[in-house]
PDB file of N, CA and C in Angstrom:
ATOM      1  N   UNK A   1     120.310 117.931 122.357  1.00  0.00           N
ATOM      2  CA  UNK A   1     120.355 117.722 120.929  1.00  0.00           C
ATOM      3  C   UNK A   1     121.400 116.564 120.626  1.00  0.00           C
ATOM      4  N   UNK A   2     121.005 115.665 119.649  1.00  0.00           N
ATOM      5  CA  UNK A   2     121.869 114.596 119.269  1.00  0.00           C
ATOM      6  C   UNK A   2     122.957 115.108 118.370  1.00  0.00           C
ATOM      7  N   UNK A   3     124.184 114.536 118.607  1.00  0.00           N
ATOM      8  CA  UNK A   3     125.302 114.874 117.728  1.00  0.00           C
ATOM      9  C   UNK A   3     125.348 113.763 116.647  1.00  0.00           C
ATOM     10  N   UNK A   4     126.166 114.016 115.628  1.00  0.00           N
ATOM     11  CA  UNK A   4     126.358 113.018 114.561  1.00  0.00           C
ATOM     12  C   UNK A   4     126.818 111.721 115.136  1.00  0.00           C
ATOM     13  N   UNK A   5     127.723 111.708 116.108  1.00  0.00           N
ATOM     14  CA  UNK A   5     128.246 110.519 116.724  1.00  0.00           C
ATOM     15  C   UNK A   5     127.129 109.718 117.459  1.00  0.00           C
ATOM     16  N   UNK A   6     126.133 110.458 118.006  1.00  0.00           N
ATOM     17  CA  UNK A   6     125.051 109.776 118.680  1.00  0.00           C
ATOM     18  C   UNK A   6     124.136 109.022 117.728  1.00  0.00           C
ATOM     19  N   UNK A   7     124.028 109.467 116.481  1.00  0.00           N
ATOM     20  CA  UNK A   7     123.115 108.880 115.495  1.00  0.00           C
ATOM     21  C   UNK A   7     123.750 107.652 114.804  1.00  0.00           C
ATOM     22  N   UNK A   8     125.090 107.517 114.811  1.00  0.00           N
ATOM     23  CA  UNK A   8     125.666 106.451 114.024  1.00  0.00           C
ATOM     24  C   UNK A   8     125.658 105.113 114.772  1.00  0.00           C
ATOM     25  N   UNK A   9     125.544 104.066 114.009  1.00  0.00           N
ATOM     26  CA  UNK A   9     125.589 102.723 114.653  1.00  0.00           C
ATOM     27  C   UNK A   9     127.014 102.401 115.055  1.00  0.00           C
ATOM     28  N   UNK A  10     127.982 102.880 114.317  1.00  0.00           N
ATOM     29  CA  UNK A  10     129.409 102.594 114.682  1.00  0.00           C
ATOM     30  C   UNK A  10     130.131 103.924 114.639  1.00  0.00           C
ATOM     31  N   UNK A  11     131.022 104.078 115.603  1.00  0.00           N
ATOM     32  CA  UNK A  11     131.810 105.344 115.576  1.00  0.00           C
ATOM     33  C   UNK A  11     132.787 105.381 114.420  1.00  0.00           C
ATOM     34  N   UNK A  12     133.017 106.586 113.875  1.00  0.00           N
ATOM     35  CA  UNK A  12     133.950 106.729 112.766  1.00  0.00           C
ATOM     36  C   UNK A  12     135.411 106.963 113.369  1.00  0.00           C
ATOM     37  N   UNK A  13     136.324 106.504 112.588  1.00  0.00           N
ATOM     38  CA  UNK A  13     137.802 106.639 112.915  1.00  0.00           C
ATOM     39  C   UNK A  13     138.343 107.710 112.012  1.00  0.00           C
ATOM     40  N   UNK A  14     138.990 108.795 112.547  1.00  0.00           N
ATOM     41  CA  UNK A  14     139.580 109.826 111.761  1.00  0.00           C
ATOM     42  C   UNK A  14     140.829 109.343 111.044  1.00  0.00           C
ATOM     43  N   UNK A  15     140.919 109.539 109.776  1.00  0.00           N
ATOM     44  CA  UNK A  15     142.108 109.105 109.054  1.00  0.00           C
ATOM     45  C   UNK A  15     142.861 110.315 108.470  1.00  0.00           C
ATOM     46  N   UNK A  16     142.198 111.434 108.368  1.00  0.00           N
ATOM     47  CA  UNK A  16     142.810 112.651 107.894  1.00  0.00           C
ATOM     48  C   UNK A  16     143.592 112.449 106.553  1.00  0.00           C
ATOM     49  N   UNK A  17     143.005 111.711 105.632  1.00  0.00           N
ATOM     50  CA  UNK A  17     143.544 111.574 104.310  1.00  0.00           C
ATOM     51  C   UNK A  17     144.608 110.445 104.189  1.00  0.00           C
ATOM     52  N   UNK A  18     144.742 109.587 105.171  1.00  0.00           N
ATOM     53  CA  UNK A  18     145.740 108.510 105.112  1.00  0.00           C
ATOM     54  C   UNK A  18     145.223 107.353 104.204  1.00  0.00           C
ATOM     55  N   UNK A  19     143.964 107.413 103.866  1.00  0.00           N
ATOM     56  CA  UNK A  19     143.440 106.349 102.967  1.00  0.00           C
ATOM     57  C   UNK A  19     142.811 107.116 101.761  1.00  0.00           C
ATOM     58  N   UNK A  20     142.845 106.548 100.581  1.00  0.00           N
ATOM     59  CA  UNK A  20     142.248 107.131  99.405  1.00  0.00           C
ATOM     60  C   UNK A  20     141.342 106.186  98.755  1.00  0.00           C
ATOM     61  N   UNK A  21     140.611 106.683  97.776  1.00  0.00           N
ATOM     62  CA  UNK A  21     139.678 105.815  97.068  1.00  0.00           C
ATOM     63  C   UNK A  21     139.241 106.444  95.794  1.00  0.00           C
ATOM     64  N   UNK A  22     138.243 105.827  95.162  1.00  0.00           N
ATOM     65  CA  UNK A  22     137.679 106.332  93.926  1.00  0.00           C
ATOM     66  C   UNK A  22     136.189 106.192  93.923  1.00  0.00           C
ATOM     67  N   UNK A  23     135.503 107.211  93.521  1.00  0.00           N
ATOM     68  CA  UNK A  23     133.976 107.201  93.511  1.00  0.00           C
ATOM     69  C   UNK A  23     133.539 107.112  92.035  1.00  0.00           C
ATOM     70  N   UNK A  24     132.553 106.307  91.839  1.00  0.00           N
ATOM     71  CA  UNK A  24     131.959 106.236  90.510  1.00  0.00           C
ATOM     72  C   UNK A  24     130.641 106.995  90.582  1.00  0.00           C
ATOM     73  N   UNK A  25     130.457 107.897  89.668  1.00  0.00           N
ATOM     74  CA  UNK A  25     129.225 108.711  89.664  1.00  0.00           C
ATOM     75  C   UNK A  25     128.440 108.425  88.421  1.00  0.00           C
ATOM     76  N   UNK A  26     127.147 108.195  88.547  1.00  0.00           N
ATOM     77  CA  UNK A  26     126.271 108.027  87.397  1.00  0.00           C
ATOM     78  C   UNK A  26     125.603 109.335  87.120  1.00  0.00           C
ATOM     79  N   UNK A  27     125.904 109.848  85.932  1.00  0.00           N
ATOM     80  CA  UNK A  27     125.397 111.148  85.567  1.00  0.00           C
ATOM     81  C   UNK A  27     124.862 111.081  84.121  1.00  0.00           C
ATOM     82  N   UNK A  28     123.723 111.638  83.891  1.00  0.00           N
ATOM     83  CA  UNK A  28     123.084 111.668  82.547  1.00  0.00           C
ATOM     84  C   UNK A  28     123.861 112.705  81.724  1.00  0.00           C
ATOM     85  N   UNK A  29     123.909 112.501  80.412  1.00  0.00           N
ATOM     86  CA  UNK A  29     124.554 113.479  79.547  1.00  0.00           C
ATOM     87  C   UNK A  29     123.891 113.393  78.175  1.00  0.00           C
ATOM     88  N   UNK A  30     124.121 114.477  77.368  1.00  0.00           N
ATOM     89  CA  UNK A  30     123.684 114.509  76.019  1.00  0.00           C
ATOM     90  C   UNK A  30     124.929 114.471  75.165  1.00  0.00           C
ATOM     91  N   UNK A  31     124.932 113.676  74.093  1.00  0.00           N
ATOM     92  CA  UNK A  31     126.040 113.668  73.155  1.00  0.00           C
ATOM     93  C   UNK A  31     125.854 114.745  72.161  1.00  0.00           C
ATOM     94  N   UNK A  32     126.821 115.658  72.123  1.00  0.00           N
ATOM     95  CA  UNK A  32     126.774 116.823  71.215  1.00  0.00           C
ATOM     96  C   UNK A  32     127.376 116.405  69.885  1.00  0.00           C
ATOM     97  N   UNK A  33     128.495 115.754  69.912  1.00  0.00           N
ATOM     98  CA  UNK A  33     129.219 115.317  68.684  1.00  0.00           C
ATOM     99  C   UNK A  33     130.006 114.030  69.037  1.00  0.00           C
ATOM    100  N   UNK A  34     130.212 113.212  68.054  1.00  0.00           N
ATOM    101  CA  UNK A  34     130.883 111.916  68.321  1.00  0.00           C
ATOM    102  C   UNK A  34     131.687 111.474  67.089  1.00  0.00           C
ATOM    103  N   UNK A  35     132.773 110.742  67.334  1.00  0.00           N
ATOM    104  CA  UNK A  35     133.552 110.161  66.272  1.00  0.00           C
ATOM    105  C   UNK A  35     133.954 108.768  66.778  1.00  0.00           C
ATOM    106  N   UNK A  36     134.742 108.051  65.989  1.00  0.00           N
ATOM    107  CA  UNK A  36     135.249 106.721  66.378  1.00  0.00           C
ATOM    108  C   UNK A  36     136.174 106.774  67.542  1.00  0.00           C
ATOM    109  N   UNK A  37     136.724 107.927  67.841  1.00  0.00           N
ATOM    110  CA  UNK A  37     137.708 108.003  68.883  1.00  0.00           C
ATOM    111  C   UNK A  37     137.407 108.930  70.084  1.00  0.00           C
ATOM    112  N   UNK A  38     136.267 109.571  70.086  1.00  0.00           N
ATOM    113  CA  UNK A  38     135.893 110.431  71.171  1.00  0.00           C
ATOM    114  C   UNK A  38     134.567 111.169  71.002  1.00  0.00           C
ATOM    115  N   UNK A  39     134.234 111.911  72.021  1.00  0.00           N
ATOM    116  CA  UNK A  39     132.824 112.602  71.908  1.00  0.00           C
ATOM    117  C   UNK A  39     132.922 113.857  72.748  1.00  0.00           C
ATOM    118  N   UNK A  40     131.987 114.817  72.404  1.00  0.00           N
ATOM    119  CA  UNK A  40     131.748 115.954  73.184  1.00  0.00           C
ATOM    120  C   UNK A  40     130.376 115.762  73.846  1.00  0.00           C
ATOM    121  N   UNK A  41     130.407 115.900  75.159  1.00  0.00           N
ATOM    122  CA  UNK A  41     129.210 115.623  75.991  1.00  0.00           C
ATOM    123  C   UNK A  41     128.733 116.879  76.668  1.00  0.00           C
ATOM    124  N   UNK A  42     127.430 117.002  76.897  1.00  0.00           N
ATOM    125  CA  UNK A  42     126.953 118.138  77.730  1.00  0.00           C
ATOM    126  C   UNK A  42     126.358 117.539  78.998  1.00  0.00           C
ATOM    127  N   UNK A  43     126.876 118.037  80.101  1.00  0.00           N
ATOM    128  CA  UNK A  43     126.544 117.437  81.428  1.00  0.00           C
ATOM    129  C   UNK A  43     126.188 118.552  82.378  1.00  0.00           C
ATOM    130  N   UNK A  44     125.319 118.267  83.356  1.00  0.00           N
ATOM    131  CA  UNK A  44     124.962 119.218  84.375  1.00  0.00           C
ATOM    132  C   UNK A  44     126.131 119.594  85.299  1.00  0.00           C
ATOM    133  N   UNK A  45     126.999 118.575  85.559  1.00  0.00           N
ATOM    134  CA  UNK A  45     128.148 118.803  86.435  1.00  0.00           C
ATOM    135  C   UNK A  45     129.393 118.327  85.665  1.00  0.00           C
ATOM    136  N   UNK A  46     130.468 118.993  85.834  1.00  0.00           N
ATOM    137  CA  UNK A  46     131.701 118.627  85.081  1.00  0.00           C
ATOM    138  C   UNK A  46     132.385 117.385  85.617  1.00  0.00           C
ATOM    139  N   UNK A  47     133.048 116.680  84.732  1.00  0.00           N
ATOM    140  CA  UNK A  47     133.945 115.643  85.129  1.00  0.00           C
ATOM    141  C   UNK A  47     135.325 116.260  85.352  1.00  0.00           C
ATOM    142  N   UNK A  48     136.174 115.622  86.182  1.00  0.00           N
ATOM    143  CA  UNK A  48     137.509 116.106  86.448  1.00  0.00           C
ATOM    144  C   UNK A  48     138.394 115.915  85.247  1.00  0.00           C
ATOM    145  N   UNK A  49     139.116 116.971  84.904  1.00  0.00           N
ATOM    146  CA  UNK A  49     140.060 116.963  83.708  1.00  0.00           C
ATOM    147  C   UNK A  49     141.045 115.862  83.938  1.00  0.00           C
ATOM    148  N   UNK A  50     141.332 115.108  82.890  1.00  0.00           N
ATOM    149  CA  UNK A  50     142.280 113.975  82.872  1.00  0.00           C
ATOM    150  C   UNK A  50     141.786 112.718  83.669  1.00  0.00           C
ATOM    151  N   UNK A  51     140.540 112.732  84.135  1.00  0.00           N
ATOM    152  CA  UNK A  51     140.050 111.624  84.873  1.00  0.00           C
ATOM    153  C   UNK A  51     139.611 110.531  83.887  1.00  0.00           C
ATOM    154  N   UNK A  52     139.562 109.289  84.378  1.00  0.00           N
ATOM    155  CA  UNK A  52     139.050 108.171  83.595  1.00  0.00           C
ATOM    156  C   UNK A  52     137.563 108.037  83.897  1.00  0.00           C
ATOM    157  N   UNK A  53     136.830 107.593  82.901  1.00  0.00           N
ATOM    158  CA  UNK A  53     135.400 107.344  83.102  1.00  0.00           C
ATOM    159  C   UNK A  53     134.903 106.189  82.301  1.00  0.00           C
ATOM    160  N   UNK A  54     133.880 105.487  82.856  1.00  0.00           N
ATOM    161  CA  UNK A  54     133.170 104.464  82.157  1.00  0.00           C
ATOM    162  C   UNK A  54     131.921 105.123  81.510  1.00  0.00           C
ATOM    163  N   UNK A  55     131.732 104.888  80.261  1.00  0.00           N
ATOM    164  CA  UNK A  55     130.617 105.618  79.556  1.00  0.00           C
ATOM    165  C   UNK A  55     129.712 104.514  78.878  1.00  0.00           C
ATOM    166  N   UNK A  56     128.432 104.661  78.964  1.00  0.00           N
ATOM    167  CA  UNK A  56     127.443 103.938  78.206  1.00  0.00           C
ATOM    168  C   UNK A  56     126.801 104.870  77.251  1.00  0.00           C
ATOM    169  N   UNK A  57     126.912 104.602  75.942  1.00  0.00           N
ATOM    170  CA  UNK A  57     126.292 105.441  74.895  1.00  0.00           C
ATOM    171  C   UNK A  57     125.056 104.666  74.429  1.00  0.00           C
ATOM    172  N   UNK A  58     123.922 105.307  74.471  1.00  0.00           N
ATOM    173  CA  UNK A  58     122.719 104.733  73.924  1.00  0.00           C
ATOM    174  C   UNK A  58     122.532 105.198  72.522  1.00  0.00           C
ATOM    175  N   UNK A  59     122.931 104.368  71.539  1.00  0.00           N
ATOM    176  CA  UNK A  59     122.923 104.721  70.148  1.00  0.00           C
ATOM    177  C   UNK A  59     121.780 104.032  69.403  1.00  0.00           C
ATOM    178  N   UNK A  60     120.771 104.750  69.122  1.00  0.00           N
ATOM    179  CA  UNK A  60     119.631 104.136  68.420  1.00  0.00           C
ATOM    180  C   UNK A  60     119.097 103.005  69.309  1.00  0.00           C
ATOM    181  N   UNK A  61     119.265 101.722  68.819  1.00  0.00           N
ATOM    182  CA  UNK A  61     118.703 100.598  69.511  1.00  0.00           C
ATOM    183  C   UNK A  61     119.760  99.719  70.220  1.00  0.00           C
ATOM    184  N   UNK A  62     120.992 100.262  70.360  1.00  0.00           N
ATOM    185  CA  UNK A  62     122.037  99.534  71.040  1.00  0.00           C
ATOM    186  C   UNK A  62     122.743 100.419  72.059  1.00  0.00           C
ATOM    187  N   UNK A  63     123.325  99.773  73.082  1.00  0.00           N
ATOM    188  CA  UNK A  63     124.134 100.475  74.047  1.00  0.00           C
ATOM    189  C   UNK A  63     125.571 100.028  73.840  1.00  0.00           C
ATOM    190  N   UNK A  64     126.461 101.014  73.892  1.00  0.00           N
ATOM    191  CA  UNK A  64     127.913 100.758  73.727  1.00  0.00           C
ATOM    192  C   UNK A  64     128.587 101.225  74.992  1.00  0.00           C
ATOM    193  N   UNK A  65     129.340 100.302  75.562  1.00  0.00           N
ATOM    194  CA  UNK A  65     130.115 100.552  76.837  1.00  0.00           C
ATOM    195  C   UNK A  65     131.589 100.774  76.438  1.00  0.00           C
ATOM    196  N   UNK A  66     132.160 101.831  77.018  1.00  0.00           N
ATOM    197  CA  UNK A  66     133.579 102.072  76.730  1.00  0.00           C
ATOM    198  C   UNK A  66     134.213 102.784  77.926  1.00  0.00           C
ATOM    199  N   UNK A  67     135.558 102.849  77.880  1.00  0.00           N
ATOM    200  CA  UNK A  67     136.276 103.644  78.869  1.00  0.00           C
ATOM    201  C   UNK A  67     136.793 104.882  78.132  1.00  0.00           C
ATOM    202  N   UNK A  68     136.710 106.050  78.865  1.00  0.00           N
ATOM    203  CA  UNK A  68     137.229 107.273  78.289  1.00  0.00           C
ATOM    204  C   UNK A  68     138.126 108.011  79.224  1.00  0.00           C
ATOM    205  N   UNK A  69     138.763 109.082  78.673  1.00  0.00           N
ATOM    206  CA  UNK A  69     139.601 110.000  79.489  1.00  0.00           C
ATOM    207  C   UNK A  69     139.136 111.389  79.127  1.00  0.00           C
ATOM    208  N   UNK A  70     138.897 112.203  80.202  1.00  0.00           N
ATOM    209  CA  UNK A  70     138.411 113.570  80.024  1.00  0.00           C
ATOM    210  C   UNK A  70     139.594 114.446  79.571  1.00  0.00           C
ATOM    211  N   UNK A  71     139.430 115.010  78.341  1.00  0.00           N
ATOM    212  CA  UNK A  71     140.553 115.840  77.812  1.00  0.00           C
ATOM    213  C   UNK A  71     140.323 117.321  77.825  1.00  0.00           C
ATOM    214  N   UNK A  72     139.012 117.730  77.964  1.00  0.00           N
ATOM    215  CA  UNK A  72     138.781 119.177  78.195  1.00  0.00           C
ATOM    216  C   UNK A  72     137.403 119.338  78.910  1.00  0.00           C
ATOM    217  N   UNK A  73     137.286 120.410  79.629  1.00  0.00           N
ATOM    218  CA  UNK A  73     136.000 120.747  80.279  1.00  0.00           C
ATOM    219  C   UNK A  73     135.861 122.236  80.121  1.00  0.00           C
ATOM    220  N   UNK A  74     134.684 122.591  79.517  1.00  0.00           N
ATOM    221  CA  UNK A  74     134.401 124.021  79.304  1.00  0.00           C
ATOM    222  C   UNK A  74     133.152 124.334  80.104  1.00  0.00           C
ATOM    223  N   UNK A  75     133.107 125.572  80.647  1.00  0.00           N
ATOM    224  CA  UNK A  75     131.934 125.957  81.422  1.00  0.00           C
ATOM    225  C   UNK A  75     130.734 126.081  80.468  1.00  0.00           C
ATOM    226  N   UNK A  76     129.496 126.054  81.042  1.00  0.00           N
ATOM    227  CA  UNK A  76     128.249 126.202  80.201  1.00  0.00           C
ATOM    228  C   UNK A  76     128.377 127.472  79.372  1.00  0.00           C
ATOM    229  N   UNK A  77     128.066 127.387  78.030  1.00  0.00           N
ATOM    230  CA  UNK A  77     128.153 128.546  77.177  1.00  0.00           C
ATOM    231  C   UNK A  77     127.044 129.523  77.376  1.00  0.00           C
ATOM    232  N   UNK A  78     125.916 129.098  78.000  1.00  0.00           N
ATOM    233  CA  UNK A  78     124.788 129.981  78.235  1.00  0.00           C
ATOM    234  C   UNK A  78     123.996 129.464  79.448  1.00  0.00           C
ATOM    235  N   UNK A  79     123.246 130.351  79.988  1.00  0.00           N
ATOM    236  CA  UNK A  79     122.431 129.955  81.171  1.00  0.00           C
ATOM    237  C   UNK A  79     121.446 128.849  80.780  1.00  0.00           C
ATOM    238  N   UNK A  80     121.378 127.825  81.604  1.00  0.00           N
ATOM    239  CA  UNK A  80     120.500 126.658  81.276  1.00  0.00           C
ATOM    240  C   UNK A  80     121.255 125.546  80.555  1.00  0.00           C
ATOM    241  N   UNK A  81     122.408 125.883  79.984  1.00  0.00           N
ATOM    242  CA  UNK A  81     123.172 124.852  79.261  1.00  0.00           C
ATOM    243  C   UNK A  81     124.066 124.102  80.234  1.00  0.00           C
ATOM    244  N   UNK A  82     124.624 122.967  79.809  1.00  0.00           N
ATOM    245  CA  UNK A  82     125.484 122.180  80.678  1.00  0.00           C
ATOM    246  C   UNK A  82     126.969 122.382  80.336  1.00  0.00           C
ATOM    247  N   UNK A  83     127.827 121.814  81.144  1.00  0.00           N
ATOM    248  CA  UNK A  83     129.239 121.865  80.899  1.00  0.00           C
ATOM    249  C   UNK A  83     129.530 121.071  79.586  1.00  0.00           C
ATOM    250  N   UNK A  84     130.480 121.490  78.842  1.00  0.00           N
ATOM    251  CA  UNK A  84     130.914 120.831  77.633  1.00  0.00           C
ATOM    252  C   UNK A  84     132.154 119.982  78.032  1.00  0.00           C
ATOM    253  N   UNK A  85     132.035 118.707  77.973  1.00  0.00           N
ATOM    254  CA  UNK A  85     133.079 117.789  78.383  1.00  0.00           C
ATOM    255  C   UNK A  85     133.550 116.998  77.193  1.00  0.00           C
ATOM    256  N   UNK A  86     134.815 117.067  76.878  1.00  0.00           N
ATOM    257  CA  UNK A  86     135.457 116.283  75.829  1.00  0.00           C
ATOM    258  C   UNK A  86     136.064 115.058  76.318  1.00  0.00           C
ATOM    259  N   UNK A  87     135.769 113.949  75.731  1.00  0.00           N
ATOM    260  CA  UNK A  87     136.246 112.629  76.132  1.00  0.00           C
ATOM    261  C   UNK A  87     136.901 111.882  75.004  1.00  0.00           C
ATOM    262  N   UNK A  88     138.126 111.429  75.187  1.00  0.00           N
ATOM    263  CA  UNK A  88     138.723 110.509  74.238  1.00  0.00           C
ATOM    264  C   UNK A  88     138.459 109.079  74.649  1.00  0.00           C
ATOM    265  N   UNK A  89     138.134 108.199  73.737  1.00  0.00           N
ATOM    266  CA  UNK A  89     137.847 106.805  74.056  1.00  0.00           C
ATOM    267  C   UNK A  89     139.141 106.107  74.110  1.00  0.00           C
ATOM    268  N   UNK A  90     139.431 105.484  75.242  1.00  0.00           N
ATOM    269  CA  UNK A  90     140.761 104.804  75.448  1.00  0.00           C
ATOM    270  C   UNK A  90     140.611 103.290  75.471  1.00  0.00           C
ATOM    271  N   UNK A  91     139.408 102.752  75.630  1.00  0.00           N
ATOM    272  CA  UNK A  91     139.264 101.289  75.680  1.00  0.00           C
ATOM    273  C   UNK A  91     137.834 101.003  75.156  1.00  0.00           C
ATOM    274  N   UNK A  92     137.749 100.352  74.035  1.00  0.00           N
ATOM    275  CA  UNK A  92     136.485  99.876  73.474  1.00  0.00           C
ATOM    276  C   UNK A  92     136.677  98.510  72.954  1.00  0.00           C
ATOM    277  N   UNK A  93     135.824  97.587  73.394  1.00  0.00           N
ATOM    278  CA  UNK A  93     136.022  96.206  72.915  1.00  0.00           C
ATOM    279  C   UNK A  93     135.570  96.114  71.442  1.00  0.00           C
ATOM    280  N   UNK A  94     135.938  95.035  70.823  1.00  0.00           N
ATOM    281  CA  UNK A  94     135.743  94.885  69.351  1.00  0.00           C
ATOM    282  C   UNK A  94     134.292  95.011  68.926  1.00  0.00           C
ATOM    283  N   UNK A  95     133.360  94.326  69.662  1.00  0.00           N
ATOM    284  CA  UNK A  95     131.948  94.369  69.295  1.00  0.00           C
ATOM    285  C   UNK A  95     131.402  95.774  69.457  1.00  0.00           C
ATOM    286  N   UNK A  96     131.704  96.435  70.592  1.00  0.00           N
ATOM    287  CA  UNK A  96     131.228  97.812  70.803  1.00  0.00           C
ATOM    288  C   UNK A  96     131.807  98.783  69.765  1.00  0.00           C
ATOM    289  N   UNK A  97     133.072  98.543  69.346  1.00  0.00           N
ATOM    290  CA  UNK A  97     133.644  99.470  68.322  1.00  0.00           C
ATOM    291  C   UNK A  97     132.884  99.240  66.980  1.00  0.00           C
ATOM    292  N   UNK A  98     132.533  97.991  66.684  1.00  0.00           N
ATOM    293  CA  UNK A  98     131.813  97.714  65.468  1.00  0.00           C
ATOM    294  C   UNK A  98     130.453  98.351  65.519  1.00  0.00           C
ATOM    295  N   UNK A  99     129.761  98.288  66.632  1.00  0.00           N
ATOM    296  CA  UNK A  99     128.446  98.927  66.811  1.00  0.00           C
ATOM    297  C   UNK A  99     128.539 100.444  66.674  1.00  0.00           C
ATOM    298  N   UNK A 100     129.588 101.034  67.274  1.00  0.00           N
ATOM    299  CA  UNK A 100     129.791 102.521  67.174  1.00  0.00           C
ATOM    300  C   UNK A 100     130.067 102.894  65.748  1.00  0.00           C
ATOM    301  N   UNK A 101     130.968 102.117  65.057  1.00  0.00           N
ATOM    302  CA  UNK A 101     131.275 102.413  63.641  1.00  0.00           C
ATOM    303  C   UNK A 101     130.019 102.368  62.774  1.00  0.00           C
ATOM    304  N   UNK A 102     129.193 101.298  62.985  1.00  0.00           N
ATOM    305  CA  UNK A 102     127.966 101.203  62.157  1.00  0.00           C
ATOM    306  C   UNK A 102     127.054 102.322  62.465  1.00  0.00           C
ATOM    307  N   UNK A 103     126.853 102.716  63.654  1.00  0.00           N
ATOM    308  CA  UNK A 103     126.057 103.932  63.980  1.00  0.00           C
ATOM    309  C   UNK A 103     126.579 105.145  63.313  1.00  0.00           C
ATOM    310  N   UNK A 104     127.880 105.362  63.381  1.00  0.00           N
ATOM    311  CA  UNK A 104     128.487 106.604  62.731  1.00  0.00           C
ATOM    312  C   UNK A 104     128.276 106.580  61.232  1.00  0.00           C
ATOM    313  N   UNK A 105     128.420 105.392  60.636  1.00  0.00           N
ATOM    314  CA  UNK A 105     128.230 105.331  59.154  1.00  0.00           C
ATOM    315  C   UNK A 105     126.819 105.645  58.854  1.00  0.00           C
ATOM    316  N   UNK A 106     125.835 105.143  59.586  1.00  0.00           N
ATOM    317  CA  UNK A 106     124.403 105.543  59.313  1.00  0.00           C
ATOM    318  C   UNK A 106     124.162 107.024  59.535  1.00  0.00           C
ATOM    319  N   UNK A 107     124.712 107.627  60.581  1.00  0.00           N
ATOM    320  CA  UNK A 107     124.537 109.038  60.845  1.00  0.00           C
ATOM    321  C   UNK A 107     125.152 109.865  59.712  1.00  0.00           C
ATOM    322  N   UNK A 108     126.320 109.499  59.298  1.00  0.00           N
ATOM    323  CA  UNK A 108     126.983 110.246  58.186  1.00  0.00           C
ATOM    324  C   UNK A 108     126.232 110.150  56.912  1.00  0.00           C
ATOM    325  N   UNK A 109     125.675 108.963  56.627  1.00  0.00           N
ATOM    326  CA  UNK A 109     124.888 108.786  55.452  1.00  0.00           C
ATOM    327  C   UNK A 109     123.665 109.606  55.507  1.00  0.00           C
ATOM    328  N   UNK A 110     122.978 109.651  56.676  1.00  0.00           N
ATOM    329  CA  UNK A 110     121.785 110.466  56.850  1.00  0.00           C
ATOM    330  C   UNK A 110     122.072 111.959  56.672  1.00  0.00           C
ATOM    331  N   UNK A 111     123.205 112.399  57.199  1.00  0.00           N
ATOM    332  CA  UNK A 111     123.589 113.815  57.074  1.00  0.00           C
ATOM    333  C   UNK A 111     123.838 114.220  55.626  1.00  0.00           C
ATOM    334  N   UNK A 112     124.310 113.299  54.805  1.00  0.00           N
ATOM    335  CA  UNK A 112     124.639 113.632  53.422  1.00  0.00           C
ATOM    336  C   UNK A 112     123.419 113.377  52.464  1.00  0.00           C
ATOM    337  N   UNK A 113     122.378 112.784  52.981  1.00  0.00           N
ATOM    338  CA  UNK A 113     121.192 112.530  52.129  1.00  0.00           C
ATOM    339  C   UNK A 113     120.406 113.741  51.811  1.00  0.00           C
TER     340      UNK A 113
END
């Protein structure tokens, strides 16, 4: 039977944690609630508390890119639901902030109509 080492093109070197890194994960989510400064997201898998994340919000006909920080993670409230992940927006460029503000104004107007 072949071992993992037999299948690899190059042998691995054991580091036992002496090197570190960061992984970027692409995960779909639903936006439950949103403001100019943060959002509540529903996700199949939780993000790490206090971690930084890059987020793309698809708002109507525009996409807004921003950086966020995970401020709370709640387990799924019911079977079949996702984790509730709270994110504070920590970096949004001027154009994306204007697009987000405009989207929120339209949504607030629609809710009050």
